[in-house]
C-alpha cells in the first residue's frame, strides 16, 4: 500500500508537468510580437532585414509544399535609401490557374506603401520576372488551399540595390508585359528599329524571340503582299498643271494609327503607324453648280501589311508576340463630288 505522503508528492509532480506542458503549447501558438526596423512582426508575417543577398522559399522546396498555409515575408532594407530586388529561381511550380486566374495556390509580391500588387503567379509554364521595390520595403505572400499541392514550389533570391544620394531616385523597373496596353503602345512607338523593340520587350532573350518571329508558319506564308497598282500612261502636263495637281483631289500618303484604324484596343502594333494612300487635297476646280464639293475615293483597294503584334497573355503571364498581316484601305482614284447640292 502506497503511503499517503508519497501519493501527495506524485500528485504534485503531475500538476507541475501539466502546467509546464500547457505553458509550452501556449508559447508555440501565440508567439510574442517583435519589432524590427520600426516594423512589428506578427505571427502571420515574418520581418527580414536585408543587408545583402538572401533567399526565401516555400516550405519543403523543392519538394511539394503543405496544404492550407498563408505565409508573408516583409523584406526591409537596412538603409532608407536602398531598394530590394527579387529574382525567382528557374525551378517554379504551383497549382495551375483556373480560367487564366491564380485563385488557389499562388505567390504574390506587393508594395507595402499603397498596397499596389506588382504581380501574382501560379502554374509552371512561365517563371516570374525580376521585381524591384519602389522604396526600402517589399511584401511577399504565399497562399495554398486544401487541394492539389504541387512541387517544387518557389524560391526567391533577394538582394540590396544601393542608390547614390547625389542622383534622383530612379523609378522601379516594371517588366514590359506588366505595363498597360496604352503605356506599352507609347513606349514601343518611340523606337525606330525592330531590334530596339525586341530588346525592350525581352532584354534577356530578344535575339531568340526575333529569330522565332521570322520562322515561316502556315499562318503567314503567302499572305504578306501588296496589290500592285496597274501601270498607267504618263500624261504630259505643263508645269502649272502639275503644281495644281499636287494640291488637288488625288491619292496621297497619309499616316494612320493601326490601333485606331483596326479598332484593336487590346493589342500593340509595331510600327504603330503606317502610310496609306488616301484621297486628299482641295476641290477648287469643282463644278460651279455644286454647292459643297468634297474629295472622295472612287476606287478603293485593300492591301496587307506585315507588322509585329503584341497582346497580353491570359493570366498576366507575359506578352504574346507574332508577325501578322493587317488589312488597310488604300484609295487608288479620287474625285470631287457634290456633298450638299442645293440646286
Protein backbone atom coordinates (compact mmCIF):
# COMPACT_ATOMS: atom_id res chain seq x y z
CA UNK A 1 0.00 0.00 0.00
CA UNK A 2 1.41 3.41 -1.07
CA UNK A 3 1.91 5.79 1.84
CA UNK A 4 -0.29 8.91 1.86
CA UNK A 5 2.74 11.25 1.77
CA UNK A 6 4.05 9.57 -1.42
CA UNK A 7 0.63 9.93 -3.14
CA UNK A 8 0.56 13.64 -2.36
CA UNK A 9 4.09 14.04 -3.78
CA UNK A 10 3.20 12.19 -7.05
CA UNK A 11 0.02 14.26 -7.49
CA UNK A 12 2.03 17.46 -7.04
CA UNK A 13 4.56 16.41 -9.70
CA UNK A 14 1.78 15.63 -12.24
CA UNK A 15 0.21 19.03 -11.69
CA UNK A 16 3.58 20.71 -12.25
CA UNK A 17 4.17 18.78 -15.54
CA UNK A 18 0.67 19.68 -16.80
CA UNK A 19 1.27 23.39 -16.17
CA UNK A 20 4.69 23.22 -17.92
CA UNK A 21 3.19 21.48 -20.97
CA UNK A 22 0.34 23.98 -21.18
CA UNK A 23 2.82 26.84 -20.99
CA UNK A 24 4.93 25.26 -23.80
CA UNK A 25 1.89 24.90 -26.11
CA UNK A 26 0.88 28.47 -25.42
CA UNK A 27 4.34 29.68 -26.44
CA UNK A 28 4.12 27.81 -29.77
CA UNK A 29 0.70 29.07 -30.83
CA UNK A 30 0.93 32.61 -29.51
CA UNK A 31 4.42 33.96 -30.13
CA UNK A 32 5.34 37.33 -28.71
CA UNK A 33 5.14 40.28 -31.12
CA UNK A 34 8.59 41.59 -32.04
CA UNK A 35 9.63 44.88 -33.58
CA UNK A 36 12.37 45.15 -36.20
CA UNK A 37 13.44 48.30 -38.03
CA UNK A 38 10.34 50.02 -36.74
CA UNK A 39 8.09 47.28 -38.20
CA UNK A 40 6.11 44.93 -35.98
CA UNK A 41 6.38 41.21 -36.69
CA UNK A 42 3.16 39.29 -36.10
CA UNK A 43 2.59 35.54 -36.05
CA UNK A 44 1.37 35.80 -39.70
CA UNK A 45 4.22 37.94 -41.03
CA UNK A 46 7.98 37.49 -40.82
CA UNK A 47 10.11 40.64 -40.99
CA UNK A 48 13.55 40.16 -42.54
CA UNK A 49 16.24 42.84 -42.54
CA UNK A 50 18.01 42.95 -45.90
CA UNK A 51 21.66 43.95 -45.72
CA UNK A 52 22.92 41.70 -48.52
CA UNK A 53 21.87 38.65 -50.51
CA UNK A 54 19.43 36.07 -49.17
CA UNK A 55 16.77 33.51 -50.06
CA UNK A 56 13.18 32.77 -49.10
CA UNK A 57 11.18 29.81 -50.40
CA UNK A 58 8.00 27.81 -50.00
CA UNK A 59 8.12 25.19 -47.22
CA UNK A 60 9.94 21.97 -48.23
CA UNK A 61 11.23 23.49 -51.51
CA UNK A 62 11.99 21.90 -53.98
CA UNK A 63 9.50 19.29 -52.82
CA UNK A 64 5.72 19.53 -52.51
CA UNK A 65 4.62 22.37 -50.24
CA UNK A 66 1.99 21.85 -47.48
CA UNK A 67 -1.74 22.48 -47.82
CA UNK A 68 -3.71 25.30 -46.15
CA UNK A 69 -0.96 27.78 -45.37
CA UNK A 70 -0.58 31.55 -45.56
CA UNK A 71 2.94 32.90 -45.15
CA UNK A 72 4.04 36.52 -45.53
CA UNK A 73 7.56 37.91 -45.60
CA UNK A 74 8.19 41.63 -45.23
CA UNK A 75 11.68 42.45 -46.51
CA UNK A 76 13.08 45.70 -45.09
CA UNK A 77 16.33 47.24 -46.37
CA UNK A 78 18.70 48.20 -43.57
CA UNK A 79 19.23 51.66 -45.10
CA UNK A 80 16.46 54.09 -46.02
CA UNK A 81 17.87 54.94 -49.46
CA UNK A 82 18.12 51.35 -50.70
CA UNK A 83 15.78 49.20 -52.75
CA UNK A 84 15.28 45.44 -52.88
CA UNK A 85 15.46 43.23 -55.97
CA UNK A 86 13.70 39.86 -56.18
CA UNK A 87 14.80 37.16 -58.63
CA UNK A 88 12.81 33.92 -58.97
CA UNK A 89 14.59 30.58 -59.19
CA UNK A 90 14.05 28.80 -62.54
CA UNK A 91 12.51 25.91 -60.62
CA UNK A 92 8.96 27.20 -60.21
CA UNK A 93 5.69 25.32 -59.95
CA UNK A 94 2.41 25.94 -58.09
CA UNK A 95 -1.14 24.74 -58.68
CA UNK A 96 -2.37 25.71 -62.16
CA UNK A 97 -4.68 28.72 -62.63
CA UNK A 98 -8.37 28.45 -63.42
CA UNK A 99 -9.56 30.44 -66.46
CA UNK A 100 -6.19 32.17 -66.51
CA UNK A 101 -6.55 33.45 -62.92
CA UNK A 102 -4.45 32.36 -59.91
CA UNK A 103 -7.25 31.59 -57.44
CA UNK A 104 -5.97 28.78 -55.24
CA UNK A 105 -2.20 28.42 -54.70
CA UNK A 106 -0.11 31.46 -55.60
CA UNK A 107 2.80 33.71 -54.66
CA UNK A 108 2.20 37.46 -54.72
CA UNK A 109 4.51 40.48 -54.49
CA UNK A 110 3.14 43.74 -53.11
CA UNK A 111 4.33 47.26 -52.39
CA UNK A 112 3.56 47.80 -48.67
CA UNK A 113 3.05 51.55 -49.14
CA UNK A 114 -0.21 51.96 -51.03
CA UNK A 115 -0.85 48.21 -51.28
CA UNK A 116 -0.10 48.00 -55.02
CA UNK A 117 0.25 44.37 -56.15
CA UNK A 118 3.21 44.03 -58.52
CA UNK A 119 2.21 40.52 -59.59
CA UNK A 120 0.55 37.23 -58.67
CA UNK A 121 1.84 33.97 -60.11
CA UNK A 122 0.94 30.26 -60.18
CA UNK A 123 1.22 27.29 -62.54
CA UNK A 124 4.54 26.22 -64.03
CA UNK A 125 4.64 27.40 -67.65
CA UNK A 126 6.49 30.66 -67.04
CA UNK A 127 8.95 31.76 -64.35
CA UNK A 128 8.10 35.26 -62.97
CA UNK A 129 10.46 38.03 -63.99
CA UNK A 130 12.60 40.18 -61.64
CA UNK A 131 10.83 42.59 -59.29
CA UNK A 132 12.27 45.75 -57.72
CA UNK A 133 10.76 47.63 -54.79
CA UNK A 134 9.93 51.31 -55.12
CA UNK A 135 11.00 52.00 -51.53
CA UNK A 136 13.02 50.19 -48.89
CA UNK A 137 10.34 47.51 -48.23
CA UNK A 138 8.57 44.80 -50.21
CA UNK A 139 5.96 42.21 -49.18
CA UNK A 140 5.78 38.60 -50.39
CA UNK A 141 2.69 36.47 -49.73
CA UNK A 142 2.34 32.70 -50.30
CA UNK A 143 -1.08 31.03 -50.15
CA UNK A 144 -2.09 27.39 -50.62
CA UNK A 145 -5.53 25.83 -50.23
CA UNK A 146 -6.52 22.31 -49.17
CA UNK A 147 -6.30 20.74 -52.65
CA UNK A 148 -3.59 19.76 -55.16
CA UNK A 149 -0.29 20.90 -53.62
CA UNK A 150 2.47 20.86 -56.23
CA UNK A 151 6.23 20.68 -56.43
CA UNK A 152 8.74 22.29 -56.49
CA UNK A 153 7.00 25.42 -55.10
CA UNK A 154 9.08 28.57 -55.42
CA UNK A 155 12.39 30.07 -54.35
CA UNK A 156 13.16 33.81 -54.41
CA UNK A 157 16.67 35.29 -54.21
CA UNK A 158 16.71 38.82 -52.81
CA UNK A 159 19.49 41.40 -52.93
CA UNK A 160 20.08 45.01 -51.97
CA UNK A 161 20.33 47.80 -54.54
CA UNK A 162 22.20 50.81 -53.19
CA UNK A 163 21.22 54.22 -54.50
CA UNK A 164 23.55 57.16 -54.81
CA UNK A 165 22.25 60.10 -52.85
CA UNK A 166 23.57 62.57 -55.45
CA UNK A 167 21.29 61.11 -58.12
CA UNK A 168 17.49 61.41 -58.18
CA UNK A 169 15.63 58.24 -57.31
CA UNK A 170 15.15 56.04 -60.35
CA UNK A 171 11.62 54.67 -60.69
CA UNK A 172 11.19 50.93 -60.25
CA UNK A 173 11.77 48.91 -63.40
CA UNK A 174 8.43 47.35 -64.34
CA UNK A 175 8.63 44.45 -66.83
CA UNK A 176 7.19 45.41 -70.21
CA UNK A 177 4.50 42.71 -70.06
CA UNK A 178 3.14 44.19 -66.82
CA UNK A 179 2.53 47.62 -68.35
CA UNK A 180 -0.90 48.68 -69.54
CA UNK A 181 -1.70 48.49 -73.25
CA UNK A 182 -1.64 52.29 -73.60
CA UNK A 183 1.68 52.70 -71.75
CA UNK A 184 3.29 49.89 -73.75
CA UNK A 185 1.96 51.29 -77.01
CA UNK A 186 3.52 54.69 -76.23
CA UNK A 187 6.88 53.12 -75.34
CA UNK A 188 7.04 50.89 -78.43
CA UNK A 189 6.07 53.74 -80.79
CA UNK A 190 9.19 55.68 -79.74
CA UNK A 191 11.62 53.10 -81.19
CA UNK A 192 12.95 53.34 -84.73
CA UNK A 193 14.12 49.75 -85.36
CA UNK A 194 12.82 46.24 -84.73
CA UNK A 195 15.96 45.43 -82.72
CA UNK A 196 15.20 48.24 -80.25
CA UNK A 197 11.64 47.00 -79.81
CA UNK A 198 12.67 43.42 -79.13
CA UNK A 199 15.44 44.43 -76.70
CA UNK A 200 12.90 46.49 -74.75
CA UNK A 201 10.32 43.68 -74.63
CA UNK A 202 12.71 40.80 -73.83
CA UNK A 203 16.14 42.09 -72.73
CA UNK A 204 17.37 38.59 -71.85
CA UNK A 205 16.17 36.68 -74.92
CA UNK A 206 15.42 39.24 -77.62
CA UNK A 207 17.63 37.53 -80.23
CA UNK A 208 15.85 34.18 -79.77
CA UNK A 209 12.44 35.87 -80.00
CA UNK A 210 13.47 37.75 -83.15
CA UNK A 211 14.57 34.50 -84.83
CA UNK A 212 11.29 32.82 -83.83
CA UNK A 213 9.26 35.65 -85.39
CA UNK A 214 10.83 35.11 -88.79
CA UNK A 215 10.40 31.36 -88.87
CA UNK A 216 7.80 30.68 -91.59
CA UNK A 217 4.45 29.29 -90.48
CA UNK A 218 1.35 28.37 -92.43
CA UNK A 219 -0.50 31.30 -90.86
CA UNK A 220 1.60 33.98 -92.56
CA UNK A 221 3.20 32.38 -95.62
CA UNK A 222 1.76 33.84 -98.80
CA UNK A 223 -0.37 36.44 -97.08
CA UNK A 224 2.14 39.27 -96.87
CA UNK A 225 1.81 41.07 -100.16
CA UNK A 226 0.71 44.32 -101.76
CA UNK A 227 -1.76 44.66 -104.61
CA UNK A 228 0.31 46.45 -107.20
CA UNK A 229 -1.29 49.34 -108.97
CA UNK A 230 -1.84 48.86 -112.70
CA UNK A 231 0.61 50.80 -114.77
CA UNK A 232 -0.91 53.83 -116.42
CA UNK A 233 0.26 56.00 -119.26
CA UNK A 234 2.13 59.10 -118.19
CA UNK A 235 0.26 62.25 -119.15
CA UNK A 236 2.38 65.22 -120.20
CA UNK A 237 1.20 68.22 -118.25
CA UNK A 238 2.65 71.67 -118.20
CA UNK A 239 4.32 72.95 -115.09
CA UNK A 240 1.31 74.89 -113.89
CA UNK A 241 -0.97 71.89 -114.19
CA UNK A 242 1.47 69.73 -112.25
CA UNK A 243 1.60 72.25 -109.40
CA UNK A 244 -2.18 72.43 -109.26
CA UNK A 245 -2.47 68.65 -109.35
CA UNK A 246 -0.21 68.38 -106.30
CA UNK A 247 -2.81 70.21 -104.23
CA UNK A 248 -5.98 68.94 -105.92
CA UNK A 249 -8.06 65.87 -105.15
CA UNK A 250 -5.62 62.98 -105.57
CA UNK A 251 -4.46 59.87 -103.66
CA UNK A 252 -1.63 60.84 -101.32
CA UNK A 253 0.27 59.41 -98.38
CA UNK A 254 -1.40 59.58 -95.00
CA UNK A 255 -0.09 58.21 -91.71
CA UNK A 256 -2.71 56.15 -89.84
CA UNK A 257 -2.65 54.64 -86.34
CA UNK A 258 -3.14 50.86 -86.58
CA UNK A 259 -4.95 50.60 -83.25
CA UNK A 260 -7.43 53.28 -84.30
CA UNK A 261 -7.73 52.09 -87.90
CA UNK A 262 -8.33 48.45 -86.91
CA UNK A 263 -10.24 49.31 -83.70
CA UNK A 264 -7.93 46.97 -81.76
CA UNK A 265 -7.56 48.46 -78.28
CA UNK A 266 -6.41 45.08 -76.92
CA UNK A 267 -3.22 44.93 -78.99
CA UNK A 268 0.01 46.85 -79.62
CA UNK A 269 1.49 47.12 -83.09
CA UNK A 270 4.96 47.97 -84.28
CA UNK A 271 5.29 50.09 -86.29
CA UNK A 272 2.35 51.74 -84.57
CA UNK A 273 1.55 53.84 -87.68
CA UNK A 274 1.71 53.03 -91.40
CA UNK A 275 1.47 55.04 -94.60
CA UNK A 276 -1.62 54.52 -96.75
CA UNK A 277 -2.95 56.20 -99.87
CA UNK A 278 -5.99 58.30 -99.04
CA UNK A 279 -7.83 60.95 -101.02
CA UNK A 280 -6.80 64.47 -100.13
CA UNK A 281 -6.44 67.97 -101.48
CA UNK A 282 -8.86 70.74 -102.37
CA UNK A 283 -11.71 70.77 -104.85
CA UNK A 284 -11.32 74.33 -106.11
CA UNK A 285 -11.91 73.16 -109.69
CA UNK A 286 -15.19 71.51 -108.82
CA UNK A 287 -18.22 72.44 -110.94
CA UNK A 288 -19.71 75.83 -110.05
CA UNK A 289 -23.15 74.15 -109.91
CA UNK A 290 -22.06 72.16 -106.84
CA UNK A 291 -22.80 73.90 -103.54
CA UNK A 292 -20.40 71.79 -101.44
CA UNK A 293 -17.62 69.75 -103.05
CA UNK A 294 -15.58 67.12 -101.23
CA UNK A 295 -12.71 64.88 -102.26
CA UNK A 296 -13.92 61.25 -102.19
CA UNK A 297 -12.49 57.90 -103.31
CA UNK A 298 -13.84 56.37 -106.49
CA UNK A 299 -11.61 53.29 -106.44
CA UNK A 300 -10.62 51.52 -103.20
CA UNK A 301 -8.30 48.53 -102.64
CA UNK A 302 -7.48 46.50 -99.54
CA UNK A 303 -3.75 45.90 -99.01
CA UNK A 304 -1.99 43.75 -96.42
CA UNK A 305 0.92 44.98 -94.32
CA UNK A 306 3.09 42.70 -92.18
CA UNK A 307 3.66 44.10 -88.67
CA UNK A 308 4.64 42.95 -85.19
CA UNK A 309 1.59 42.46 -82.95
CA UNK A 310 1.75 42.10 -79.14
CA UNK A 311 -1.01 41.08 -76.73
CA UNK A 312 -1.12 40.34 -73.01
CA UNK A 313 -1.30 36.62 -72.27
CA UNK A 314 -4.22 35.29 -70.26
CA UNK A 315 -3.48 35.36 -66.54
CA UNK A 316 -0.96 38.19 -66.85
CA UNK A 317 1.97 35.92 -67.81
CA UNK A 318 3.96 37.92 -70.32
CA UNK A 319 3.32 39.11 -73.86
CA UNK A 320 2.32 37.06 -76.89
CA UNK A 321 4.26 38.30 -79.93
CA UNK A 322 3.61 37.43 -83.58
CA UNK A 323 4.16 38.71 -87.09
CA UNK A 324 0.74 39.27 -88.59
CA UNK A 325 -0.83 40.80 -91.69
CA UNK A 326 -3.21 43.71 -91.18
CA UNK A 327 -5.60 44.84 -93.96
CA UNK A 328 -5.70 48.58 -94.63
CA UNK A 329 -7.85 50.51 -97.08
CA UNK A 330 -5.99 52.36 -99.86
CA UNK A 331 -7.61 54.89 -102.21
CA UNK A 332 -6.39 54.42 -105.77
CA UNK A 333 -8.56 57.01 -107.53
CA UNK A 334 -10.28 60.14 -106.23
CA UNK A 335 -12.80 62.64 -107.49
CA UNK A 336 -14.53 65.82 -106.33
CA UNK A 337 -18.20 65.08 -105.74
CA UNK A 338 -21.11 67.16 -104.54
CA UNK A 339 -21.92 66.72 -100.88
CA UNK A 340 -24.88 69.06 -100.48
CA UNK A 341 -26.18 70.27 -103.85
CA UNK A 342 -28.75 72.99 -103.24
CA UNK A 343 -29.66 73.36 -106.93
